Amino acid sequence: MHPIITQKQMRKIKILFIGICLLPFAAHAQRVINLYPGDIPNSKKTALKDIPENVSAGLMRRVITPTLQIYLPEKDKATDAAIVICPGGGYSVIVYDGEGTLTAKELVKKGIAAFVLRYRLPNDSFQVNKTIAPLQDAQQAIKMVRDSAVAWGINSNKIGIMGFSAGGHVASTEATHFNKALIENKSNKSLRPDFQILVYPVISMQDSLAHQGSRTQLLGDNPSKETIDLYSNELQADKNAPPAFITVAADDKVVDVDNSIVYFEKLRHNKVPVEMHIYQKGDHGFVFRHPGWMEPLFEWMQNNSWINK
């Protein structure tokens, strides 16, 4: 005799079946997590909230609580490499969707785990020292990905950082200031990215090269020479800097391409592996107009064994 199934049992079976069907999608959902498990370092109490400047455009202009948005590839496509993405915006906004999530989706297609960093924009009203806040968040992002490498199917020695425009300054600062931890790091985990990818980046804070808006937002109106030099990353790069891929447009009217050239030269003279691609035209933000701009990047990653050929 066949057992009789009650309506209540049938509902449970249906719920279980739906859950099983949705499991593959849940396993690869793009979830957002807080960057810090506890108190956010270097922060003041505030009643202000995180707010978008324009939701439809995917821009953020105030970040109180920094986050990571996680994009993990399907297991059969995973390369075990990972990249923390720092979108740009002149340290005034974050171009979160255009340079962050869209880039993450392209990386995942290639089997690369991607983590979009919503870093704190410098702000004296709710940060003790606004100058170090973005760097703290970049260090914490590298540490968090490295701490969770096994759980997320990542090789802890294949974790890179990528930055666009002012996000390129965040990324290159992390790539040259990793020896001094500005976050809690009791386990002494390495904060050094294994490679750096810089896209039309802000590099220097020197008068002759700086993107003035980014410098003012990060360093204030009258920074000392010591502070300017400290955050001019072409002066901070040495032989221990991670291998680099740099891509820019020669006609960039927002961030002088010499930012990238002087950084390239400093890395090259320190015998750090570095590759640079310069488009003749494209201006600032050329990724929105050159759909194939990532192909040389993927080739570079393959040639350096960050991903498989």
Protein backbone atom coordinates (compact mmCIF):
# COMPACT_ATOMS: atom_id res chain seq x y z
CA MET A 1 0.00 0.00 0.00
CA HIS A 2 1.17 3.53 -0.74
CA PRO A 3 1.45 5.83 2.27
CA ILE A 4 -1.06 8.68 2.40
CA ILE A 5 0.52 12.15 2.13
CA THR A 6 -1.34 14.90 3.94
CA GLN A 7 -1.72 18.41 2.55
CA LYS A 8 0.61 19.71 5.25
CA GLN A 9 3.30 17.21 4.25
CA MET A 10 2.80 18.10 0.59
CA ARG A 11 3.38 21.78 1.35
CA LYS A 12 6.63 20.87 3.14
CA ILE A 13 7.74 18.81 0.15
CA LYS A 14 7.00 21.71 -2.22
CA ILE A 15 8.96 24.14 -0.04
CA LEU A 16 11.90 21.71 0.11
CA PHE A 17 11.79 21.23 -3.67
CA ILE A 18 11.79 24.97 -4.30
CA GLY A 19 14.70 25.39 -1.88
CA ILE A 20 16.71 22.73 -3.71
CA CYS A 21 15.99 24.38 -7.07
CA LEU A 22 17.11 27.77 -5.77
CA LEU A 23 20.25 26.46 -4.04
CA PRO A 24 22.60 26.96 -7.03
CA PHE A 25 21.46 30.57 -7.33
CA ALA A 26 21.81 31.20 -3.59
CA ALA A 27 25.34 29.83 -3.59
CA HIS A 28 26.42 32.52 -6.04
CA ALA A 29 24.30 35.43 -4.85
CA GLN A 30 25.98 38.83 -4.75
CA ARG A 31 25.70 39.62 -1.07
CA VAL A 32 26.88 42.74 0.71
CA ILE A 33 28.70 42.47 4.03
CA ASN A 34 30.01 45.07 6.46
CA LEU A 35 33.73 45.58 6.09
CA TYR A 36 34.33 45.62 9.84
CA PRO A 37 32.78 42.97 12.12
CA GLY A 38 32.73 45.39 15.07
CA ASP A 39 33.37 49.08 15.57
CA ILE A 40 34.60 51.03 12.56
CA PRO A 41 38.08 52.40 13.33
CA ASN A 42 38.86 56.09 13.06
CA SER A 43 35.18 57.07 13.21
CA LYS A 44 33.18 59.57 15.22
CA LYS A 45 29.62 59.06 16.39
CA THR A 46 27.16 60.56 13.93
CA ALA A 47 23.46 60.61 13.21
CA LEU A 48 24.19 60.81 9.49
CA LYS A 49 23.35 57.88 7.24
CA ASP A 50 24.85 56.39 4.10
CA ILE A 51 23.16 58.13 1.19
CA PRO A 52 23.32 57.75 -2.58
CA GLU A 53 23.72 60.85 -4.69
CA ASN A 54 21.77 59.31 -7.53
CA VAL A 55 20.33 55.82 -7.10
CA SER A 56 19.60 55.36 -10.81
CA ALA A 57 23.18 56.31 -11.72
CA GLY A 58 24.67 54.08 -9.02
CA LEU A 59 26.63 56.86 -7.28
CA MET A 60 27.39 57.17 -3.56
CA ARG A 61 28.34 60.50 -2.00
CA ARG A 62 28.39 59.61 1.70
CA VAL A 63 29.71 56.38 3.22
CA ILE A 64 29.42 55.95 6.97
CA THR A 65 29.54 52.15 6.96
CA PRO A 66 32.03 50.66 4.48
CA THR A 67 31.04 47.38 2.82
CA LEU A 68 32.16 44.66 0.44
CA GLN A 69 29.86 43.29 -2.24
CA ILE A 70 30.85 39.71 -3.02
CA TYR A 71 30.76 38.18 -6.49
CA LEU A 72 31.87 34.54 -6.62
CA PRO A 73 32.17 32.60 -9.89
CA GLU A 74 30.58 29.20 -10.50
CA LYS A 75 32.83 26.49 -9.12
CA ASP A 76 33.46 24.94 -12.52
CA LYS A 77 34.73 28.32 -13.83
CA ALA A 78 36.65 29.48 -10.75
CA THR A 79 40.34 30.30 -11.26
CA ASP A 80 41.04 30.82 -7.50
CA ALA A 81 42.10 34.45 -8.14
CA ALA A 82 40.35 37.42 -6.50
CA ILE A 83 40.26 41.18 -7.00
CA VAL A 84 39.12 43.94 -4.64
CA ILE A 85 37.64 46.75 -6.77
CA CYS A 86 37.88 50.42 -5.74
CA PRO A 87 35.62 52.56 -7.96
CA GLY A 88 36.55 56.21 -8.51
CA GLY A 89 34.81 59.54 -8.08
CA GLY A 90 37.40 62.12 -7.01
CA TYR A 91 37.05 61.15 -3.32
CA SER A 92 33.71 63.05 -3.53
CA VAL A 93 31.46 60.28 -4.83
CA ILE A 94 31.86 56.59 -5.64
CA VAL A 95 30.94 55.47 -9.15
CA TYR A 96 29.72 52.26 -7.60
CA ASP A 97 27.78 50.65 -10.44
CA GLY A 98 29.66 51.89 -13.50
CA GLU A 99 33.18 51.07 -12.29
CA GLY A 100 32.33 48.66 -9.48
CA THR A 101 29.54 46.19 -10.08
CA LEU A 102 29.82 46.18 -13.88
CA THR A 103 33.53 45.39 -13.60
CA ALA A 104 32.84 42.67 -11.03
CA LYS A 105 30.40 40.96 -13.37
CA GLU A 106 33.00 40.88 -16.15
CA LEU A 107 35.63 39.44 -13.81
CA VAL A 108 33.27 36.71 -12.61
CA LYS A 109 32.68 35.65 -16.23
CA LYS A 110 36.41 34.88 -16.35
CA GLY A 111 36.26 32.89 -13.13
CA ILE A 112 37.74 35.65 -10.95
CA ALA A 113 36.14 36.33 -7.57
CA ALA A 114 35.37 40.04 -7.29
CA PHE A 115 34.74 42.24 -4.26
CA VAL A 116 33.41 45.77 -4.76
CA LEU A 117 34.66 48.02 -1.98
CA ARG A 118 32.41 50.83 -0.80
CA TYR A 119 35.15 52.74 1.02
CA ARG A 120 34.66 55.75 3.26
CA LEU A 121 34.89 59.05 1.42
CA PRO A 122 37.08 61.47 3.43
CA ASN A 123 34.94 63.57 5.77
CA ASP A 124 36.00 65.44 8.91
CA SER A 125 32.51 65.38 10.40
CA PHE A 126 32.45 61.64 11.10
CA GLN A 127 36.11 60.59 10.81
CA VAL A 128 38.88 61.33 13.31
CA ASN A 129 41.49 61.47 10.53
CA LYS A 130 39.85 61.59 7.12
CA THR A 131 43.16 61.17 5.30
CA ILE A 132 43.67 57.56 6.39
CA ALA A 133 40.04 56.36 6.18
CA PRO A 134 40.10 55.08 2.55
CA LEU A 135 43.44 53.33 3.10
CA GLN A 136 42.13 51.66 6.25
CA ASP A 137 39.20 50.30 4.29
CA ALA A 138 41.45 49.02 1.50
CA GLN A 139 43.69 47.27 4.04
CA GLN A 140 40.67 45.74 5.76
CA ALA A 141 39.26 44.54 2.42
CA ILE A 142 42.50 42.73 1.53
CA LYS A 143 42.65 41.24 5.03
CA MET A 144 39.02 40.11 4.94
CA VAL A 145 39.38 38.40 1.57
CA ARG A 146 42.61 36.74 2.69
CA ASP A 147 41.04 35.62 5.98
CA SER A 148 38.10 34.06 4.11
CA ALA A 149 40.08 32.69 1.17
CA VAL A 150 39.37 29.02 1.91
CA ALA A 151 35.65 29.57 2.45
CA TRP A 152 35.37 31.56 -0.79
CA GLY A 153 37.52 29.20 -2.89
CA ILE A 154 40.35 31.69 -3.31
CA ASN A 155 44.12 31.23 -3.36
CA SER A 156 45.37 33.54 -0.60
CA ASN A 157 48.41 34.33 -2.78
CA LYS A 158 46.29 35.52 -5.73
CA ILE A 159 44.45 38.48 -4.24
CA GLY A 160 44.80 41.73 -6.16
CA ILE A 161 43.46 45.25 -5.87
CA MET A 162 42.00 47.32 -8.69
CA GLY A 163 41.23 51.04 -8.75
CA PHE A 164 39.70 53.57 -11.13
CA SER A 165 40.62 57.28 -11.02
CA ALA A 166 40.63 58.32 -7.32
CA GLY A 167 39.94 54.66 -6.59
CA GLY A 168 43.27 54.11 -8.34
CA HIS A 169 44.81 56.28 -5.65
CA VAL A 170 43.14 54.11 -3.00
CA ALA A 171 44.51 50.99 -4.71
CA SER A 172 48.03 52.32 -5.31
CA THR A 173 48.17 53.64 -1.74
CA GLU A 174 47.31 50.18 -0.44
CA ALA A 175 49.93 48.74 -2.81
CA THR A 176 52.64 51.04 -1.40
CA HIS A 177 51.56 51.49 2.25
CA PHE A 178 50.85 47.88 3.24
CA ASN A 179 53.72 47.57 5.71
CA LYS A 180 52.10 49.85 8.27
CA ALA A 181 48.78 48.43 9.47
CA LEU A 182 46.16 51.10 10.13
CA ILE A 183 43.61 48.49 11.18
CA GLU A 184 43.49 45.83 13.87
CA ASN A 185 45.62 42.93 12.66
CA LYS A 186 46.38 40.72 15.63
CA SER A 187 47.09 37.72 13.40
CA ASN A 188 49.70 39.79 11.51
CA LYS A 189 48.04 38.86 8.22
CA SER A 190 49.81 40.22 5.14
CA LEU A 191 48.06 43.36 3.91
CA ARG A 192 50.03 43.41 0.66
CA PRO A 193 47.96 42.85 -2.48
CA ASP A 194 49.54 40.23 -4.74
CA PHE A 195 49.02 42.47 -7.78
CA GLN A 196 47.60 45.90 -8.60
CA ILE A 197 45.43 47.02 -11.51
CA LEU A 198 45.17 50.78 -12.08
CA VAL A 199 42.75 52.36 -14.53
CA TYR A 200 43.25 56.09 -15.37
CA PRO A 201 44.50 56.40 -11.78
CA VAL A 202 45.25 59.33 -9.53
CA ILE A 203 48.76 58.53 -8.26
CA SER A 204 50.47 61.74 -7.18
CA MET A 205 49.56 64.55 -4.79
CA GLN A 206 52.36 66.82 -6.02
CA ASP A 207 51.40 70.29 -7.29
CA SER A 208 52.52 69.50 -10.84
CA LEU A 209 50.53 66.26 -11.18
CA ALA A 210 47.74 66.11 -8.64
CA HIS A 211 44.08 66.02 -9.49
CA GLN A 212 43.29 68.98 -7.28
CA GLY A 213 39.78 67.90 -6.35
CA SER A 214 40.99 64.52 -5.11
CA ARG A 215 43.88 66.09 -3.21
CA THR A 216 41.67 68.62 -1.44
CA GLN A 217 39.08 66.01 -0.51
CA LEU A 218 41.71 63.64 0.90
CA LEU A 219 44.38 65.94 2.34
CA GLY A 220 42.54 69.20 2.98
CA ASP A 221 43.17 72.71 1.71
CA ASN A 222 46.71 73.21 3.01
CA PRO A 223 48.48 69.87 3.43
CA SER A 224 52.10 69.84 4.59
CA LYS A 225 54.88 68.81 2.23
CA GLU A 226 55.35 65.68 4.35
CA THR A 227 51.72 64.66 3.86
CA ILE A 228 51.81 65.47 0.14
CA ASP A 229 54.92 63.31 -0.28
CA LEU A 230 53.46 60.49 1.82
CA TYR A 231 50.41 60.19 -0.42
CA SER A 232 52.30 60.69 -3.67
CA ASN A 233 52.58 57.01 -4.40
CA GLU A 234 55.24 57.37 -7.08
CA LEU A 235 57.51 58.42 -4.19
CA GLN A 236 56.45 55.51 -1.97
CA ALA A 237 56.81 52.63 -4.45
CA ASP A 238 59.84 50.39 -3.95
CA LYS A 239 61.03 46.91 -4.90
CA ASN A 240 58.40 45.30 -2.67
CA ALA A 241 55.44 46.82 -4.52
CA PRO A 242 53.13 44.29 -6.17
CA PRO A 243 53.28 43.64 -9.93
CA ALA A 244 51.17 46.19 -11.78
CA PHE A 245 48.92 46.56 -14.80
CA ILE A 246 48.15 50.18 -15.75
CA THR A 247 45.81 51.40 -18.46
CA VAL A 248 45.14 55.02 -19.42
CA ALA A 249 44.23 57.29 -22.34
CA ALA A 250 46.80 59.77 -23.63
CA ASP A 251 44.18 62.51 -24.00
CA ASP A 252 42.91 62.29 -20.41
CA LYS A 253 41.85 65.83 -19.51
CA VAL A 254 40.91 65.07 -15.89
CA VAL A 255 43.89 63.15 -14.48
CA ASP A 256 47.21 63.89 -16.20
CA VAL A 257 48.52 60.67 -17.78
CA ASP A 258 51.93 61.57 -16.33
CA ASN A 259 50.56 60.22 -13.03
CA SER A 260 50.71 56.75 -14.55
CA ILE A 261 53.95 57.31 -16.43
CA VAL A 262 55.95 58.38 -13.37
CA TYR A 263 54.51 55.46 -11.40
CA PHE A 264 55.39 53.06 -14.22
CA GLU A 265 58.93 54.40 -14.27
CA LYS A 266 59.34 54.09 -10.51
CA LEU A 267 58.13 50.48 -10.55
CA ARG A 268 60.29 49.63 -13.57
CA HIS A 269 63.43 51.10 -12.02
CA ASN A 270 62.74 49.06 -8.88
CA LYS A 271 62.44 45.96 -11.08
CA VAL A 272 58.78 45.44 -10.19
CA PRO A 273 56.97 43.67 -13.07
CA VAL A 274 54.76 46.31 -14.70
CA GLU A 275 52.80 46.61 -17.92
CA MET A 276 51.08 49.74 -19.22
CA HIS A 277 48.56 50.24 -22.04
CA ILE A 278 47.96 53.76 -23.33
CA TYR A 279 45.04 54.41 -25.64
CA GLN A 280 45.57 57.26 -28.10
CA LYS A 281 42.07 58.56 -27.38
CA GLY A 282 39.41 57.87 -24.79
CA ASP A 283 39.82 60.62 -22.22
CA HIS A 284 38.96 59.98 -18.59
CA GLY A 285 36.48 57.19 -17.95
CA PHE A 286 37.26 55.48 -21.26
CA VAL A 287 36.03 52.12 -19.93
CA PHE A 288 32.51 53.28 -20.74
CA ARG A 289 33.51 53.79 -24.38
CA HIS A 290 35.98 50.92 -24.98
CA PRO A 291 34.07 47.65 -24.39
CA GLY A 292 37.20 45.56 -25.05
CA TRP A 293 39.46 47.37 -22.62
CA MET A 294 39.71 44.37 -20.30
CA GLU A 295 41.09 41.95 -22.88
CA PRO A 296 44.74 43.10 -22.42
CA LEU A 297 44.18 42.83 -18.65
CA PHE A 298 43.05 39.22 -18.89
CA GLU A 299 46.02 38.44 -21.15
CA TRP A 300 48.35 40.01 -18.57
CA MET A 301 46.75 37.95 -15.80
CA GLN A 302 47.19 34.79 -17.86
CA ASN A 303 50.81 35.57 -18.71
CA ASN A 304 51.55 36.08 -15.01
CA SER A 305 49.69 32.93 -13.94
CA TRP A 306 47.06 34.81 -11.92
CA ILE A 307 44.49 32.96 -14.03
CA ASN A 308 44.82 29.94 -16.32
CA LYS A 309 45.27 30.28 -20.07
